[in-house]
Amino acid sequence: MEQPRLITDSFPRRLRRRRPGRAPGTGKGKGKGTGCPPVPAAEEPPGAGPDRSVLEMLRSFDLAWEYGPCTGITRLQRWERAQALGLSPPDKVRDALLEHKDDPSVIYNLWHEYEL
């Protein structure tokens, strides 16, 4: 009985050439201590804007359809509309919106850049 053929059987095997200046076995991801040292995370100055957790919370608020559509209005307008309709939007969203009321990445929703 014939063995199934592999797709790699159709192509000739090629040996990789070593780059000049690199010792054998020290390629990308081989062993510890190779490559560049890790780059420390850049710290944002205070007041540089909201942190990622706040932006993630606001994105999830944009994606929550129980508070109604969010196109064409700001996040704070949507929060106030949901509150007026008795939908109980999260208070921490309103607090974040009021805290960063001058930052466009907080004021506008995910789809603000897209045309209707």
N, C-alpha and C. Protein backbone atom coordinates (compact mmCIF):
# COMPACT_ATOMS: atom_id res chain seq x y z
N MET A 1 0.84 -1.18 0.00
CA MET A 1 0.00 0.00 0.00
C MET A 1 0.89 1.25 0.00
N GLU A 2 0.54 2.21 -0.82
CA GLU A 2 1.34 3.40 -0.98
C GLU A 2 1.06 4.40 0.15
N GLN A 3 2.12 5.01 0.67
CA GLN A 3 1.96 6.01 1.74
C GLN A 3 1.45 7.31 1.13
N PRO A 4 0.67 8.07 1.90
CA PRO A 4 0.17 9.35 1.37
C PRO A 4 1.34 10.31 1.15
N ARG A 5 1.23 11.07 0.09
CA ARG A 5 2.29 12.03 -0.20
C ARG A 5 2.07 13.32 0.58
N LEU A 6 3.15 13.93 0.95
CA LEU A 6 3.10 15.21 1.63
C LEU A 6 3.34 16.33 0.62
N ILE A 7 2.85 17.50 0.93
CA ILE A 7 3.07 18.62 0.02
C ILE A 7 4.54 18.97 -0.06
N THR A 8 5.29 18.71 1.00
CA THR A 8 6.71 19.00 0.99
C THR A 8 7.49 18.05 0.09
N ASP A 9 6.90 16.94 -0.31
CA ASP A 9 7.58 16.02 -1.22
C ASP A 9 7.71 16.62 -2.62
N SER A 10 6.88 17.59 -2.95
CA SER A 10 6.89 18.18 -4.29
C SER A 10 7.98 19.22 -4.47
N PHE A 11 8.51 19.73 -3.39
CA PHE A 11 9.49 20.81 -3.47
C PHE A 11 10.85 20.30 -3.03
N PRO A 12 11.90 20.74 -3.71
CA PRO A 12 13.24 20.30 -3.30
C PRO A 12 13.62 20.93 -1.98
N ARG A 13 14.36 20.20 -1.20
CA ARG A 13 14.80 20.69 0.10
C ARG A 13 15.98 21.62 -0.10
N ARG A 14 15.92 22.78 0.52
CA ARG A 14 17.00 23.76 0.38
C ARG A 14 17.60 24.01 1.75
N LEU A 15 18.88 24.09 1.78
CA LEU A 15 19.58 24.40 3.02
C LEU A 15 19.67 25.91 3.15
N ARG A 16 19.51 26.37 4.36
CA ARG A 16 19.61 27.80 4.61
C ARG A 16 21.08 28.17 4.73
N ARG A 17 21.38 29.31 4.18
CA ARG A 17 22.74 29.82 4.34
C ARG A 17 22.82 30.59 5.64
N ARG A 18 23.95 30.48 6.28
CA ARG A 18 24.17 31.24 7.50
C ARG A 18 24.56 32.66 7.16
N ARG A 19 24.06 33.60 7.91
CA ARG A 19 24.44 34.98 7.70
C ARG A 19 25.86 35.19 8.20
N PRO A 20 26.59 36.05 7.56
CA PRO A 20 27.95 36.30 8.04
C PRO A 20 27.91 36.98 9.40
N GLY A 21 28.82 36.62 10.25
CA GLY A 21 28.93 37.24 11.57
C GLY A 21 28.09 36.61 12.64
N ARG A 22 27.39 35.54 12.31
CA ARG A 22 26.54 34.89 13.30
C ARG A 22 27.04 33.47 13.53
N ALA A 23 27.22 33.14 14.78
CA ALA A 23 27.70 31.81 15.12
C ALA A 23 26.57 30.80 14.93
N PRO A 24 26.90 29.55 14.62
CA PRO A 24 25.85 28.54 14.46
C PRO A 24 25.07 28.34 15.75
N GLY A 25 23.76 28.18 15.61
CA GLY A 25 22.92 27.92 16.77
C GLY A 25 22.53 29.15 17.54
N THR A 26 22.85 30.35 17.06
CA THR A 26 22.49 31.57 17.77
C THR A 26 21.48 32.39 17.00
N GLY A 27 20.65 31.70 16.24
CA GLY A 27 19.64 32.39 15.45
C GLY A 27 18.58 33.01 16.33
N LYS A 28 17.58 33.53 15.70
CA LYS A 28 16.49 34.20 16.39
C LYS A 28 15.80 33.25 17.36
N GLY A 29 15.71 33.64 18.62
CA GLY A 29 14.98 32.85 19.60
C GLY A 29 15.71 31.62 20.09
N LYS A 30 17.00 31.47 19.81
CA LYS A 30 17.74 30.30 20.26
C LYS A 30 18.51 30.65 21.52
N GLY A 31 18.17 30.02 22.60
CA GLY A 31 18.92 30.20 23.84
C GLY A 31 18.60 31.51 24.51
N LYS A 32 19.14 31.66 25.70
CA LYS A 32 18.91 32.88 26.45
C LYS A 32 20.05 33.85 26.23
N GLY A 33 19.75 35.10 26.33
CA GLY A 33 20.78 36.12 26.24
C GLY A 33 21.10 36.53 24.82
N THR A 34 20.39 36.06 23.83
CA THR A 34 20.66 36.48 22.47
C THR A 34 19.74 37.62 22.11
N GLY A 35 20.16 38.39 21.16
CA GLY A 35 19.32 39.49 20.71
C GLY A 35 19.50 40.73 21.55
N CYS A 36 18.63 41.68 21.38
CA CYS A 36 18.70 42.94 22.09
C CYS A 36 18.09 42.81 23.47
N PRO A 37 18.56 43.63 24.40
CA PRO A 37 17.93 43.61 25.73
C PRO A 37 16.52 44.15 25.64
N PRO A 38 15.64 43.76 26.55
CA PRO A 38 14.25 44.25 26.49
C PRO A 38 14.20 45.75 26.69
N VAL A 39 13.31 46.38 25.96
CA VAL A 39 13.12 47.82 26.06
C VAL A 39 12.15 48.10 27.20
N PRO A 40 12.52 48.96 28.14
CA PRO A 40 11.59 49.26 29.24
C PRO A 40 10.36 49.98 28.71
N ALA A 41 9.24 49.72 29.34
CA ALA A 41 7.98 50.35 28.93
C ALA A 41 8.05 51.85 29.18
N ALA A 42 7.62 52.61 28.19
CA ALA A 42 7.65 54.06 28.34
C ALA A 42 6.54 54.48 29.30
N GLU A 43 6.93 55.25 30.27
CA GLU A 43 5.94 55.73 31.24
C GLU A 43 5.36 57.03 30.72
N GLU A 44 4.05 57.12 30.77
CA GLU A 44 3.39 58.33 30.33
C GLU A 44 3.42 59.36 31.44
N PRO A 45 3.63 60.62 31.07
CA PRO A 45 3.59 61.65 32.11
C PRO A 45 2.16 61.77 32.65
N PRO A 46 2.02 62.21 33.90
CA PRO A 46 0.66 62.33 34.44
C PRO A 46 -0.13 63.33 33.62
N GLY A 47 -1.32 63.16 33.31
CA GLY A 47 -2.10 64.08 32.52
C GLY A 47 -1.91 63.88 31.02
N ALA A 48 -1.24 62.79 30.62
CA ALA A 48 -1.05 62.51 29.20
C ALA A 48 -2.30 61.90 28.59
N GLY A 49 -3.29 61.64 29.38
CA GLY A 49 -4.52 61.05 28.88
C GLY A 49 -4.92 59.87 29.76
N PRO A 50 -6.03 59.26 29.41
CA PRO A 50 -6.51 58.14 30.22
C PRO A 50 -5.66 56.90 30.01
N ASP A 51 -5.63 56.04 31.01
CA ASP A 51 -4.88 54.79 30.85
C ASP A 51 -5.70 53.79 30.05
N ARG A 52 -5.07 52.67 29.72
CA ARG A 52 -5.70 51.69 28.85
C ARG A 52 -6.96 51.08 29.46
N SER A 53 -7.00 50.92 30.75
CA SER A 53 -8.18 50.30 31.37
C SER A 53 -9.41 51.19 31.21
N VAL A 54 -9.22 52.51 31.27
CA VAL A 54 -10.35 53.43 31.07
C VAL A 54 -10.83 53.36 29.62
N LEU A 55 -9.89 53.36 28.67
CA LEU A 55 -10.28 53.29 27.27
C LEU A 55 -10.95 51.96 26.95
N GLU A 56 -10.49 50.88 27.56
CA GLU A 56 -11.12 49.58 27.35
C GLU A 56 -12.53 49.55 27.91
N MET A 57 -12.73 50.18 29.07
CA MET A 57 -14.07 50.25 29.66
C MET A 57 -15.00 51.06 28.76
N LEU A 58 -14.50 52.16 28.18
CA LEU A 58 -15.32 52.97 27.29
C LEU A 58 -15.63 52.23 25.99
N ARG A 59 -14.69 51.44 25.49
CA ARG A 59 -14.95 50.64 24.29
C ARG A 59 -16.04 49.62 24.56
N SER A 60 -15.98 49.00 25.73
CA SER A 60 -17.02 48.02 26.04
C SER A 60 -18.38 48.71 26.22
N PHE A 61 -18.39 49.95 26.69
CA PHE A 61 -19.63 50.72 26.78
C PHE A 61 -20.17 51.00 25.37
N ASP A 62 -19.27 51.31 24.43
CA ASP A 62 -19.70 51.54 23.04
C ASP A 62 -20.31 50.29 22.44
N LEU A 63 -19.78 49.13 22.78
CA LEU A 63 -20.23 47.88 22.19
C LEU A 63 -21.46 47.28 22.88
N ALA A 64 -21.86 47.83 24.01
CA ALA A 64 -23.02 47.33 24.75
C ALA A 64 -24.29 47.92 24.13
N TRP A 65 -25.04 47.07 23.44
CA TRP A 65 -26.23 47.55 22.75
C TRP A 65 -27.41 47.80 23.67
N GLU A 66 -27.33 47.38 24.92
CA GLU A 66 -28.49 47.61 25.80
C GLU A 66 -28.67 49.09 26.15
N TYR A 67 -27.67 49.94 25.82
CA TYR A 67 -27.81 51.37 26.09
C TYR A 67 -28.18 52.16 24.84
N GLY A 68 -28.53 51.47 23.78
CA GLY A 68 -28.97 52.13 22.56
C GLY A 68 -27.82 52.40 21.61
N PRO A 69 -28.16 52.90 20.41
CA PRO A 69 -27.12 53.16 19.41
C PRO A 69 -26.21 54.30 19.84
N CYS A 70 -24.97 54.27 19.33
CA CYS A 70 -24.01 55.29 19.75
C CYS A 70 -23.48 56.11 18.60
N THR A 71 -23.99 55.93 17.41
CA THR A 71 -23.49 56.71 16.27
C THR A 71 -24.16 58.07 16.24
N GLY A 72 -23.34 59.08 15.95
CA GLY A 72 -23.87 60.43 15.81
C GLY A 72 -23.93 61.23 17.10
N ILE A 73 -23.61 60.63 18.24
CA ILE A 73 -23.62 61.36 19.51
C ILE A 73 -22.35 61.03 20.28
N THR A 74 -22.06 61.85 21.28
CA THR A 74 -20.89 61.60 22.11
C THR A 74 -21.23 60.52 23.14
N ARG A 75 -20.20 60.04 23.80
CA ARG A 75 -20.41 59.01 24.82
C ARG A 75 -21.22 59.55 25.99
N LEU A 76 -20.95 60.81 26.37
CA LEU A 76 -21.70 61.38 27.49
C LEU A 76 -23.17 61.58 27.12
N GLN A 77 -23.46 61.98 25.89
CA GLN A 77 -24.86 62.12 25.46
C GLN A 77 -25.55 60.75 25.48
N ARG A 78 -24.83 59.73 25.07
CA ARG A 78 -25.41 58.38 25.08
C ARG A 78 -25.66 57.92 26.52
N TRP A 79 -24.71 58.22 27.41
CA TRP A 79 -24.88 57.82 28.81
C TRP A 79 -26.10 58.52 29.39
N GLU A 80 -26.23 59.84 29.14
CA GLU A 80 -27.36 60.60 29.68
C GLU A 80 -28.69 60.13 29.09
N ARG A 81 -28.72 59.79 27.82
CA ARG A 81 -29.94 59.27 27.20
C ARG A 81 -30.33 57.93 27.83
N ALA A 82 -29.34 57.05 28.04
CA ALA A 82 -29.63 55.76 28.67
C ALA A 82 -30.13 55.96 30.09
N GLN A 83 -29.58 56.90 30.81
CA GLN A 83 -30.02 57.18 32.18
C GLN A 83 -31.45 57.72 32.17
N ALA A 84 -31.77 58.61 31.22
CA ALA A 84 -33.13 59.17 31.14
C ALA A 84 -34.16 58.09 30.78
N LEU A 85 -33.73 57.07 30.02
CA LEU A 85 -34.63 55.98 29.65
C LEU A 85 -34.70 54.89 30.71
N GLY A 86 -33.97 55.06 31.81
CA GLY A 86 -34.01 54.10 32.91
C GLY A 86 -33.22 52.82 32.63
N LEU A 87 -32.17 52.90 31.80
CA LEU A 87 -31.40 51.72 31.43
C LEU A 87 -30.22 51.45 32.37
N SER A 88 -29.99 52.30 33.34
CA SER A 88 -28.94 52.15 34.36
C SER A 88 -27.55 51.94 33.78
N PRO A 89 -27.01 52.91 33.04
CA PRO A 89 -25.63 52.77 32.55
C PRO A 89 -24.66 52.86 33.72
N PRO A 90 -23.45 52.31 33.60
CA PRO A 90 -22.50 52.31 34.71
C PRO A 90 -22.05 53.72 35.09
N ASP A 91 -22.05 53.98 36.39
CA ASP A 91 -21.62 55.30 36.87
C ASP A 91 -20.14 55.54 36.63
N LYS A 92 -19.33 54.48 36.63
CA LYS A 92 -17.89 54.67 36.43
C LYS A 92 -17.60 55.16 35.01
N VAL A 93 -18.48 54.87 34.05
CA VAL A 93 -18.31 55.39 32.69
C VAL A 93 -18.51 56.90 32.70
N ARG A 94 -19.57 57.36 33.38
CA ARG A 94 -19.82 58.80 33.46
C ARG A 94 -18.69 59.51 34.19
N ASP A 95 -18.18 58.90 35.27
CA ASP A 95 -17.07 59.51 36.01
C ASP A 95 -15.84 59.65 35.12
N ALA A 96 -15.54 58.62 34.33
CA ALA A 96 -14.38 58.68 33.43
C ALA A 96 -14.59 59.73 32.35
N LEU A 97 -15.83 59.85 31.85
CA LEU A 97 -16.11 60.84 30.81
C LEU A 97 -15.97 62.26 31.35
N LEU A 98 -16.41 62.49 32.56
CA LEU A 98 -16.29 63.82 33.15
C LEU A 98 -14.86 64.13 33.55
N GLU A 99 -14.11 63.12 33.93
CA GLU A 99 -12.71 63.33 34.34
C GLU A 99 -11.83 63.71 33.15
N HIS A 100 -12.11 63.10 32.00
CA HIS A 100 -11.29 63.35 30.79
C HIS A 100 -12.13 64.04 29.71
N LYS A 101 -12.86 65.08 30.09
CA LYS A 101 -13.81 65.69 29.16
C LYS A 101 -13.17 66.48 28.03
N ASP A 102 -11.85 66.73 28.09
CA ASP A 102 -11.18 67.47 27.02
C ASP A 102 -10.42 66.55 26.05
N ASP A 103 -10.43 65.27 26.29
CA ASP A 103 -9.68 64.32 25.47
C ASP A 103 -10.59 63.72 24.40
N PRO A 104 -10.30 63.93 23.11
CA PRO A 104 -11.17 63.40 22.05
C PRO A 104 -11.26 61.88 22.03
N SER A 105 -10.21 61.18 22.50
CA SER A 105 -10.27 59.71 22.52
C SER A 105 -11.27 59.22 23.55
N VAL A 106 -11.66 60.08 24.48
CA VAL A 106 -12.64 59.72 25.50
C VAL A 106 -14.03 60.23 25.12
N ILE A 107 -14.09 61.40 24.57
CA ILE A 107 -15.38 62.03 24.26
C ILE A 107 -16.16 61.24 23.21
N TYR A 108 -15.47 60.88 22.12
CA TYR A 108 -16.13 60.28 20.98
C TYR A 108 -16.07 58.76 21.02
N ASN A 109 -17.04 58.13 20.40
CA ASN A 109 -17.11 56.66 20.43
C ASN A 109 -16.20 56.04 19.38
N LEU A 110 -16.23 54.73 19.30
CA LEU A 110 -15.37 53.99 18.38
C LEU A 110 -15.55 54.37 16.93
N TRP A 111 -16.76 54.68 16.53
CA TRP A 111 -17.07 54.90 15.14
C TRP A 111 -17.15 56.37 14.76
N HIS A 112 -16.58 57.23 15.57
CA HIS A 112 -16.65 58.67 15.31
C HIS A 112 -15.94 59.05 14.00
N GLU A 113 -14.84 58.39 13.68
CA GLU A 113 -14.07 58.72 12.49
C GLU A 113 -14.74 58.28 11.20
N TYR A 114 -15.66 57.34 11.29
CA TYR A 114 -16.33 56.81 10.10
C TYR A 114 -17.54 57.65 9.74
N GLU A 115 -17.76 57.79 8.45
CA GLU A 115 -18.93 58.53 8.00
C GLU A 115 -20.17 57.67 8.09
N LEU A 116 -21.30 58.29 8.35
CA LEU A 116 -22.55 57.55 8.43
C LEU A 116 -23.08 57.19 7.07
